[in-house]
């Protein structure tokens, strides 16, 4: 049974990596949109 633990560890590592990638992706995507919105608001004034 101990030989199957590596499968669970790999699965947990992939899930954690995917979770962190999604967080990183949304953080930087949100910053670009915010910067574009503030620039367009300044142009309107």
Protein backbone atom coordinates (compact mmCIF):
# COMPACT_ATOMS: atom_id res chain seq x y z
CA UNK A 1 0.00 0.00 0.00
CA UNK A 2 2.92 2.36 0.61
CA UNK A 3 3.89 2.17 -3.05
CA UNK A 4 0.67 3.97 -4.05
CA UNK A 5 1.36 7.07 -1.95
CA UNK A 6 3.50 8.61 -4.70
CA UNK A 7 0.42 8.77 -6.94
CA UNK A 8 -1.43 10.79 -4.31
CA UNK A 9 1.58 13.04 -3.79
CA UNK A 10 1.87 13.73 -7.53
CA UNK A 11 -1.86 14.43 -7.76
CA UNK A 12 -1.70 16.81 -4.79
CA UNK A 13 1.32 18.61 -6.28
CA UNK A 14 -0.42 19.03 -9.63
CA UNK A 15 -3.58 20.33 -7.94
CA UNK A 16 -1.56 22.81 -5.87
CA UNK A 17 0.39 23.94 -8.91
CA UNK A 18 -2.77 24.46 -10.92
CA UNK A 19 -4.36 26.38 -8.04
CA UNK A 20 -1.34 28.68 -7.71
CA UNK A 21 -1.19 29.19 -11.50
CA UNK A 22 -4.86 30.23 -11.60
CA UNK A 23 -4.32 32.69 -8.75
CA UNK A 24 -1.20 34.12 -10.43
CA UNK A 25 -2.98 34.38 -13.80
CA UNK A 26 -6.01 36.19 -12.38
CA UNK A 27 -3.87 38.60 -10.34
CA UNK A 28 -1.93 39.84 -13.36
CA UNK A 29 -4.94 39.81 -15.69
CA UNK A 30 -6.86 41.98 -13.21
CA UNK A 31 -4.04 44.51 -12.87
CA UNK A 32 -3.86 45.06 -16.63
CA UNK A 33 -7.60 45.67 -16.85
CA UNK A 34 -7.50 48.11 -13.92
CA UNK A 35 -4.66 50.07 -15.50
CA UNK A 36 -6.50 50.28 -18.82
CA UNK A 37 -9.66 51.45 -17.07
CA UNK A 38 -7.85 54.21 -15.20
CA UNK A 39 -6.13 55.40 -18.37
CA UNK A 40 -9.39 55.51 -20.30
CA UNK A 41 -11.08 57.40 -17.45
CA UNK A 42 -8.31 60.01 -17.46
CA UNK A 43 -8.65 60.40 -21.23
CA UNK A 44 -12.39 61.05 -20.89
CA UNK A 45 -11.77 63.92 -18.47
